[in-house]
């Protein structure tokens, strides 16, 4: 009985080792891509507000509308 389980145990251990090796290689690729992205984000300028925009956004209304008096329609001329 033990001799039949031995090849399966050996194959299982090889698959575990192969999965570990492939995971390490994939992790190195991901780490390298993260380093490249980090470098690119560091050297690119960030968006800054234009001088004409004043540098900040105000949420307060700049012009307050007041209700106007009711406008009556112009009388039409009848003949």
PDB file of N, CA and C in Angstrom:
ATOM      1  N   UNK A   1       0.804  -1.192   0.000  1.00  0.00           N
ATOM      2  CA  UNK A   1       0.000   0.000   0.000  1.00  0.00           C
ATOM      3  C   UNK A   1       0.855   1.268   0.000  1.00  0.00           C
ATOM      4  N   UNK A   2       1.929   1.250   0.729  1.00  0.00           N
ATOM      5  CA  UNK A   2       2.765   2.436   0.836  1.00  0.00           C
ATOM      6  C   UNK A   2       3.431   2.762  -0.505  1.00  0.00           C
ATOM      7  N   UNK A   3       3.740   1.762  -1.293  1.00  0.00           N
ATOM      8  CA  UNK A   3       4.415   2.002  -2.559  1.00  0.00           C
ATOM      9  C   UNK A   3       3.487   2.666  -3.572  1.00  0.00           C
ATOM     10  N   UNK A   4       2.167   2.526  -3.443  1.00  0.00           N
ATOM     11  CA  UNK A   4       1.242   3.170  -4.372  1.00  0.00           C
ATOM     12  C   UNK A   4       1.062   4.650  -4.042  1.00  0.00           C
ATOM     13  N   UNK A   5       1.175   5.011  -2.777  1.00  0.00           N
ATOM     14  CA  UNK A   5       0.984   6.403  -2.378  1.00  0.00           C
ATOM     15  C   UNK A   5       2.233   7.240  -2.612  1.00  0.00           C
ATOM     16  N   UNK A   6       3.366   6.605  -2.679  1.00  0.00           N
ATOM     17  CA  UNK A   6       4.629   7.327  -2.799  1.00  0.00           C
ATOM     18  C   UNK A   6       4.721   8.158  -4.087  1.00  0.00           C
ATOM     19  N   UNK A   7       4.372   7.625  -5.263  1.00  0.00           N
ATOM     20  CA  UNK A   7       4.453   8.461  -6.468  1.00  0.00           C
ATOM     21  C   UNK A   7       3.510   9.679  -6.412  1.00  0.00           C
ATOM     22  N   UNK A   8       2.310   9.504  -5.821  1.00  0.00           N
ATOM     23  CA  UNK A   8       1.365  10.621  -5.721  1.00  0.00           C
ATOM     24  C   UNK A   8       1.900  11.694  -4.765  1.00  0.00           C
ATOM     25  N   UNK A   9       2.501  11.268  -3.698  1.00  0.00           N
ATOM     26  CA  UNK A   9       3.102  12.201  -2.751  1.00  0.00           C
ATOM     27  C   UNK A   9       4.257  12.950  -3.407  1.00  0.00           C
ATOM     28  N   UNK A  10       5.043  12.254  -4.201  1.00  0.00           N
ATOM     29  CA  UNK A  10       6.154  12.875  -4.918  1.00  0.00           C
ATOM     30  C   UNK A  10       5.639  13.894  -5.935  1.00  0.00           C
ATOM     31  N   UNK A  11       4.607  13.531  -6.705  1.00  0.00           N
ATOM     32  CA  UNK A  11       4.034  14.469  -7.679  1.00  0.00           C
ATOM     33  C   UNK A  11       3.435  15.687  -6.980  1.00  0.00           C
ATOM     34  N   UNK A  12       2.766  15.471  -5.877  1.00  0.00           N
ATOM     35  CA  UNK A  12       2.176  16.580  -5.134  1.00  0.00           C
ATOM     36  C   UNK A  12       3.256  17.541  -4.633  1.00  0.00           C
ATOM     37  N   UNK A  13       4.353  16.989  -4.139  1.00  0.00           N
ATOM     38  CA  UNK A  13       5.429  17.852  -3.649  1.00  0.00           C
ATOM     39  C   UNK A  13       6.081  18.627  -4.801  1.00  0.00           C
ATOM     40  N   UNK A  14       6.216  17.995  -5.976  1.00  0.00           N
ATOM     41  CA  UNK A  14       6.762  18.705  -7.139  1.00  0.00           C
ATOM     42  C   UNK A  14       5.843  19.844  -7.577  1.00  0.00           C
ATOM     43  N   UNK A  15       4.528  19.607  -7.537  1.00  0.00           N
ATOM     44  CA  UNK A  15       3.570  20.648  -7.916  1.00  0.00           C
ATOM     45  C   UNK A  15       3.622  21.806  -6.925  1.00  0.00           C
ATOM     46  N   UNK A  16       3.769  21.514  -5.642  1.00  0.00           N
ATOM     47  CA  UNK A  16       3.872  22.569  -4.629  1.00  0.00           C
ATOM     48  C   UNK A  16       5.137  23.393  -4.854  1.00  0.00           C
ATOM     49  N   UNK A  17       6.238  22.726  -5.128  1.00  0.00           N
ATOM     50  CA  UNK A  17       7.502  23.436  -5.362  1.00  0.00           C
ATOM     51  C   UNK A  17       7.401  24.289  -6.634  1.00  0.00           C
ATOM     52  N   UNK A  18       6.816  23.748  -7.680  1.00  0.00           N
ATOM     53  CA  UNK A  18       6.660  24.489  -8.923  1.00  0.00           C
ATOM     54  C   UNK A  18       5.766  25.711  -8.723  1.00  0.00           C
ATOM     55  N   UNK A  19       4.692  25.558  -7.971  1.00  0.00           N
ATOM     56  CA  UNK A  19       3.800  26.683  -7.689  1.00  0.00           C
ATOM     57  C   UNK A  19       4.535  27.770  -6.911  1.00  0.00           C
ATOM     58  N   UNK A  20       5.356  27.383  -5.952  1.00  0.00           N
ATOM     59  CA  UNK A  20       6.128  28.352  -5.185  1.00  0.00           C
ATOM     60  C   UNK A  20       7.093  29.115  -6.086  1.00  0.00           C
ATOM     61  N   UNK A  21       7.798  28.400  -6.961  1.00  0.00           N
ATOM     62  CA  UNK A  21       8.765  29.044  -7.857  1.00  0.00           C
ATOM     63  C   UNK A  21       8.063  30.014  -8.801  1.00  0.00           C
ATOM     64  N   UNK A  22       6.937  29.584  -9.374  1.00  0.00           N
ATOM     65  CA  UNK A  22       6.200  30.467 -10.280  1.00  0.00           C
ATOM     66  C   UNK A  22       5.635  31.679  -9.538  1.00  0.00           C
ATOM     67  N   UNK A  23       5.206  31.503  -8.314  1.00  0.00           N
ATOM     68  CA  UNK A  23       4.706  32.622  -7.515  1.00  0.00           C
ATOM     69  C   UNK A  23       5.785  33.642  -7.216  1.00  0.00           C
ATOM     70  N   UNK A  24       6.990  33.170  -6.930  1.00  0.00           N
ATOM     71  CA  UNK A  24       8.102  34.083  -6.670  1.00  0.00           C
ATOM     72  C   UNK A  24       8.448  34.868  -7.929  1.00  0.00           C
ATOM     73  N   UNK A  25       8.469  34.186  -9.073  1.00  0.00           N
ATOM     74  CA  UNK A  25       8.775  34.876 -10.328  1.00  0.00           C
ATOM     75  C   UNK A  25       7.705  35.914 -10.655  1.00  0.00           C
ATOM     76  N   UNK A  26       6.446  35.571 -10.435  1.00  0.00           N
ATOM     77  CA  UNK A  26       5.358  36.514 -10.690  1.00  0.00           C
ATOM     78  C   UNK A  26       5.460  37.703  -9.736  1.00  0.00           C
ATOM     79  N   UNK A  27       5.793  37.450  -8.499  1.00  0.00           N
ATOM     80  CA  UNK A  27       5.950  38.524  -7.521  1.00  0.00           C
ATOM     81  C   UNK A  27       7.063  39.488  -7.903  1.00  0.00           C
ATOM     82  N   UNK A  28       8.144  38.974  -8.456  1.00  0.00           N
ATOM     83  CA  UNK A  28       9.234  39.840  -8.892  1.00  0.00           C
ATOM     84  C   UNK A  28       8.790  40.735 -10.049  1.00  0.00           C
ATOM     85  N   UNK A  29       8.003  40.181 -10.968  1.00  0.00           N
ATOM     86  CA  UNK A  29       7.505  40.990 -12.085  1.00  0.00           C
ATOM     87  C   UNK A  29       6.574  42.091 -11.584  1.00  0.00           C
ATOM     88  N   UNK A  30       5.713  41.764 -10.644  1.00  0.00           N
ATOM     89  CA  UNK A  30       4.793  42.754 -10.092  1.00  0.00           C
ATOM     90  C   UNK A  30       5.566  43.842  -9.356  1.00  0.00           C
ATOM     91  N   UNK A  31       6.567  43.460  -8.596  1.00  0.00           N
ATOM     92  CA  UNK A  31       7.372  44.437  -7.859  1.00  0.00           C
ATOM     93  C   UNK A  31       8.105  45.367  -8.817  1.00  0.00           C
ATOM     94  N   UNK A  32       8.626  44.822  -9.914  1.00  0.00           N
ATOM     95  CA  UNK A  32       9.315  45.649 -10.898  1.00  0.00           C
ATOM     96  C   UNK A  32       8.340  46.617 -11.556  1.00  0.00           C
ATOM     97  N   UNK A  33       7.136  46.156 -11.875  1.00  0.00           N
ATOM     98  CA  UNK A  33       6.135  47.042 -12.470  1.00  0.00           C
ATOM     99  C   UNK A  33       5.732  48.142 -11.484  1.00  0.00           C
ATOM    100  N   UNK A  34       5.632  47.811 -10.208  1.00  0.00           N
ATOM    101  CA  UNK A  34       5.300  48.820  -9.198  1.00  0.00           C
ATOM    102  C   UNK A  34       6.403  49.865  -9.074  1.00  0.00           C
ATOM    103  N   UNK A  35       7.648  49.430  -9.162  1.00  0.00           N
ATOM    104  CA  UNK A  35       8.761  50.379  -9.090  1.00  0.00           C
ATOM    105  C   UNK A  35       8.743  51.326 -10.288  1.00  0.00           C
ATOM    106  N   UNK A  36       8.454  50.788 -11.466  1.00  0.00           N
ATOM    107  CA  UNK A  36       8.397  51.617 -12.669  1.00  0.00           C
ATOM    108  C   UNK A  36       7.264  52.631 -12.545  1.00  0.00           C
ATOM    109  N   UNK A  37       6.090  52.180 -12.096  1.00  0.00           N
ATOM    110  CA  UNK A  37       4.960  53.095 -11.928  1.00  0.00           C
ATOM    111  C   UNK A  37       5.271  54.169 -10.898  1.00  0.00           C
ATOM    112  N   UNK A  38       5.906  53.787  -9.817  1.00  0.00           N
ATOM    113  CA  UNK A  38       6.260  54.749  -8.783  1.00  0.00           C
ATOM    114  C   UNK A  38       7.236  55.790  -9.325  1.00  0.00           C
ATOM    115  N   UNK A  39       8.207  55.349 -10.095  1.00  0.00           N
ATOM    116  CA  UNK A  39       9.178  56.274 -10.679  1.00  0.00           C
ATOM    117  C   UNK A  39       8.499  57.233 -11.650  1.00  0.00           C
ATOM    118  N   UNK A  40       7.622  56.702 -12.497  1.00  0.00           N
ATOM    119  CA  UNK A  40       6.941  57.558 -13.463  1.00  0.00           C
ATOM    120  C   UNK A  40       6.033  58.573 -12.776  1.00  0.00           C
ATOM    121  N   UNK A  41       5.373  58.160 -11.725  1.00  0.00           N
ATOM    122  CA  UNK A  41       4.529  59.102 -10.994  1.00  0.00           C
ATOM    123  C   UNK A  41       5.354  60.158 -10.265  1.00  0.00           C
ATOM    124  N   UNK A  42       6.578  59.813  -9.906  1.00  0.00           N
ATOM    125  CA  UNK A  42       7.423  60.758  -9.191  1.00  0.00           C
ATOM    126  C   UNK A  42       7.969  61.832 -10.132  1.00  0.00           C
ATOM    127  N   UNK A  43       8.285  61.477 -11.381  1.00  0.00           N
ATOM    128  CA  UNK A  43       8.913  62.443 -12.271  1.00  0.00           C
ATOM    129  C   UNK A  43       7.906  63.274 -13.054  1.00  0.00           C
ATOM    130  N   UNK A  44       6.665  62.830 -13.153  1.00  0.00           N
ATOM    131  CA  UNK A  44       5.678  63.616 -13.896  1.00  0.00           C
ATOM    132  C   UNK A  44       5.144  64.724 -13.004  1.00  0.00           C
ATOM    133  N   UNK A  45       4.948  65.917 -13.573  1.00  0.00           N
ATOM    134  CA  UNK A  45       4.446  67.020 -12.754  1.00  0.00           C
ATOM    135  C   UNK A  45       2.980  66.801 -12.406  1.00  0.00           C
ATOM    136  N   UNK A  46       2.611  67.257 -11.232  1.00  0.00           N
ATOM    137  CA  UNK A  46       1.214  67.143 -10.834  1.00  0.00           C
ATOM    138  C   UNK A  46       0.458  68.354 -11.356  1.00  0.00           C
ATOM    139  N   UNK A  47      -0.825  68.206 -11.508  1.00  0.00           N
ATOM    140  CA  UNK A  47      -1.649  69.297 -12.017  1.00  0.00           C
ATOM    141  C   UNK A  47      -1.748  70.376 -10.945  1.00  0.00           C
ATOM    142  N   UNK A  48      -1.463  71.604 -11.347  1.00  0.00           N
ATOM    143  CA  UNK A  48      -1.590  72.718 -10.408  1.00  0.00           C
ATOM    144  C   UNK A  48      -2.584  73.709 -10.992  1.00  0.00           C
ATOM    145  N   UNK A  49      -3.277  74.444 -10.152  1.00  0.00           N
ATOM    146  CA  UNK A  49      -4.264  75.389 -10.673  1.00  0.00           C
ATOM    147  C   UNK A  49      -3.601  76.522 -11.446  1.00  0.00           C
ATOM    148  N   UNK A  50      -4.298  77.003 -12.452  1.00  0.00           N
ATOM    149  CA  UNK A  50      -3.792  78.110 -13.253  1.00  0.00           C
ATOM    150  C   UNK A  50      -3.888  79.397 -12.440  1.00  0.00           C
ATOM    151  N   UNK A  51      -3.017  80.360 -12.723  1.00  0.00           N
ATOM    152  CA  UNK A  51      -3.079  81.623 -11.968  1.00  0.00           C
ATOM    153  C   UNK A  51      -4.417  82.344 -12.129  1.00  0.00           C
ATOM    154  N   UNK A  52      -5.067  82.182 -13.257  1.00  0.00           N
ATOM    155  CA  UNK A  52      -6.333  82.868 -13.474  1.00  0.00           C
ATOM    156  C   UNK A  52      -7.466  82.263 -12.658  1.00  0.00           C
ATOM    157  N   UNK A  53      -7.281  81.036 -12.165  1.00  0.00           N
ATOM    158  CA  UNK A  53      -8.334  80.391 -11.395  1.00  0.00           C
ATOM    159  C   UNK A  53      -8.303  80.804  -9.923  1.00  0.00           C
ATOM    160  N   UNK A  54      -7.278  81.455  -9.495  1.00  0.00           N
ATOM    161  CA  UNK A  54      -7.220  81.918  -8.128  1.00  0.00           C
ATOM    162  C   UNK A  54      -6.673  80.897  -7.149  1.00  0.00           C
ATOM    163  N   UNK A  55      -6.452  79.707  -7.560  1.00  0.00           N
ATOM    164  CA  UNK A  55      -5.831  78.720  -6.694  1.00  0.00           C
ATOM    165  C   UNK A  55      -6.779  77.951  -5.805  1.00  0.00           C
ATOM    166  N   UNK A  56      -7.981  78.416  -5.616  1.00  0.00           N
ATOM    167  CA  UNK A  56      -8.913  77.668  -4.788  1.00  0.00           C
ATOM    168  C   UNK A  56     -10.311  77.768  -5.381  1.00  0.00           C
ATOM    169  N   UNK A  57     -11.090  76.824  -5.040  1.00  0.00           N
ATOM    170  CA  UNK A  57     -12.461  76.785  -5.547  1.00  0.00           C
ATOM    171  C   UNK A  57     -13.388  77.190  -4.417  1.00  0.00           C
ATOM    172  N   UNK A  58     -14.198  78.181  -4.659  1.00  0.00           N
ATOM    173  CA  UNK A  58     -15.137  78.641  -3.647  1.00  0.00           C
ATOM    174  C   UNK A  58     -16.490  77.998  -3.906  1.00  0.00           C
ATOM    175  N   UNK A  59     -17.066  77.458  -2.866  1.00  0.00           N
ATOM    176  CA  UNK A  59     -18.372  76.836  -3.012  1.00  0.00           C
ATOM    177  C   UNK A  59     -19.501  77.816  -2.738  1.00  0.00           C
ATOM    178  N   UNK A  60     -19.174  79.009  -2.251  1.00  0.00           N
ATOM    179  CA  UNK A  60     -20.198  80.008  -1.982  1.00  0.00           C
ATOM    180  C   UNK A  60     -20.644  80.645  -3.295  1.00  0.00           C
ATOM    181  N   UNK A  61     -21.917  80.958  -3.413  1.00  0.00           N
ATOM    182  CA  UNK A  61     -22.374  81.586  -4.650  1.00  0.00           C
ATOM    183  C   UNK A  61     -21.799  82.986  -4.777  1.00  0.00           C
ATOM    184  N   UNK A  62     -21.428  83.355  -5.979  1.00  0.00           N
ATOM    185  CA  UNK A  62     -20.840  84.668  -6.192  1.00  0.00           C
ATOM    186  C   UNK A  62     -21.913  85.712  -6.469  1.00  0.00           C
ATOM    187  N   UNK A  63     -23.014  85.322  -7.034  1.00  0.00           N
ATOM    188  CA  UNK A  63     -24.081  86.268  -7.348  1.00  0.00           C
ATOM    189  C   UNK A  63     -25.382  85.677  -6.832  1.00  0.00           C
ATOM    190  N   UNK A  64     -26.045  86.429  -6.004  1.00  0.00           N
ATOM    191  CA  UNK A  64     -27.290  85.957  -5.442  1.00  0.00           C
ATOM    192  C   UNK A  64     -28.419  86.550  -6.262  1.00  0.00           C
ATOM    193  N   UNK A  65     -29.266  85.701  -6.733  1.00  0.00           N
ATOM    194  CA  UNK A  65     -30.389  86.202  -7.528  1.00  0.00           C
ATOM    195  C   UNK A  65     -31.548  86.510  -6.600  1.00  0.00           C
ATOM    196  N   UNK A  66     -32.146  87.640  -6.841  1.00  0.00           N
ATOM    197  CA  UNK A  66     -33.310  88.029  -6.048  1.00  0.00           C
ATOM    198  C   UNK A  66     -34.537  87.935  -6.929  1.00  0.00           C
ATOM    199  N   UNK A  67     -35.644  87.587  -6.338  1.00  0.00           N
ATOM    200  CA  UNK A  67     -36.847  87.516  -7.171  1.00  0.00           C
ATOM    201  C   UNK A  67     -37.235  88.902  -7.649  1.00  0.00           C
ATOM    202  N   UNK A  68     -37.532  89.005  -8.921  1.00  0.00           N
ATOM    203  CA  UNK A  68     -37.904  90.297  -9.489  1.00  0.00           C
ATOM    204  C   UNK A  68     -39.412  90.487  -9.372  1.00  0.00           C
ATOM    205  N   UNK A  69     -39.826  91.712  -9.548  1.00  0.00           N
ATOM    206  CA  UNK A  69     -41.254  92.010  -9.502  1.00  0.00           C
ATOM    207  C   UNK A  69     -41.940  91.293 -10.649  1.00  0.00           C
ATOM    208  N   UNK A  70     -43.190  91.016 -10.460  1.00  0.00           N
ATOM    209  CA  UNK A  70     -43.905  90.318 -11.530  1.00  0.00           C
ATOM    210  C   UNK A  70     -44.022  91.224 -12.733  1.00  0.00           C
ATOM    211  N   UNK A  71     -43.803  90.681 -13.854  1.00  0.00           N
ATOM    212  CA  UNK A  71     -43.853  91.438 -15.103  1.00  0.00           C
ATOM    213  C   UNK A  71     -45.205  91.181 -15.744  1.00  0.00           C
ATOM    214  N   UNK A  72     -45.921  92.245 -15.957  1.00  0.00           N
ATOM    215  CA  UNK A  72     -47.209  92.078 -16.627  1.00  0.00           C
ATOM    216  C   UNK A  72     -46.981  92.174 -18.120  1.00  0.00           C
ATOM    217  N   UNK A  73     -47.742  91.444 -18.869  1.00  0.00           N
ATOM    218  CA  UNK A  73     -47.557  91.503 -20.330  1.00  0.00           C
ATOM    219  C   UNK A  73     -47.976  92.873 -20.883  1.00  0.00           C
ATOM    220  N   UNK A  74     -47.352  93.249 -21.970  1.00  0.00           N
ATOM    221  CA  UNK A  74     -47.686  94.533 -22.595  1.00  0.00           C
ATOM    222  C   UNK A  74     -49.104  94.477 -23.159  1.00  0.00           C
ATOM    223  N   UNK A  75     -49.836  95.533 -22.965  1.00  0.00           N
ATOM    224  CA  UNK A  75     -51.188  95.516 -23.540  1.00  0.00           C
ATOM    225  C   UNK A  75     -51.122  95.557 -25.060  1.00  0.00           C
ATOM    226  N   UNK A  76     -51.960  94.834 -25.656  1.00  0.00           N
ATOM    227  CA  UNK A  76     -52.000  94.797 -27.114  1.00  0.00           C
ATOM    228  C   UNK A  76     -52.966  95.863 -27.602  1.00  0.00           C
ATOM    229  N   UNK A  77     -52.642  96.437 -28.709  1.00  0.00           N
ATOM    230  CA  UNK A  77     -53.481  97.469 -29.300  1.00  0.00           C
ATOM    231  C   UNK A  77     -54.588  96.796 -30.106  1.00  0.00           C
ATOM    232  N   UNK A  78     -55.779  97.212 -29.829  1.00  0.00           N
ATOM    233  CA  UNK A  78     -56.908  96.680 -30.596  1.00  0.00           C
ATOM    234  C   UNK A  78     -57.476  97.779 -31.462  1.00  0.00           C
ATOM    235  N   UNK A  79     -57.974  97.466 -32.589  1.00  0.00           N
ATOM    236  CA  UNK A  79     -58.520  98.465 -33.498  1.00  0.00           C
ATOM    237  C   UNK A  79     -59.976  98.540 -33.427  1.00  0.00           C
TER     238      UNK A  79
END
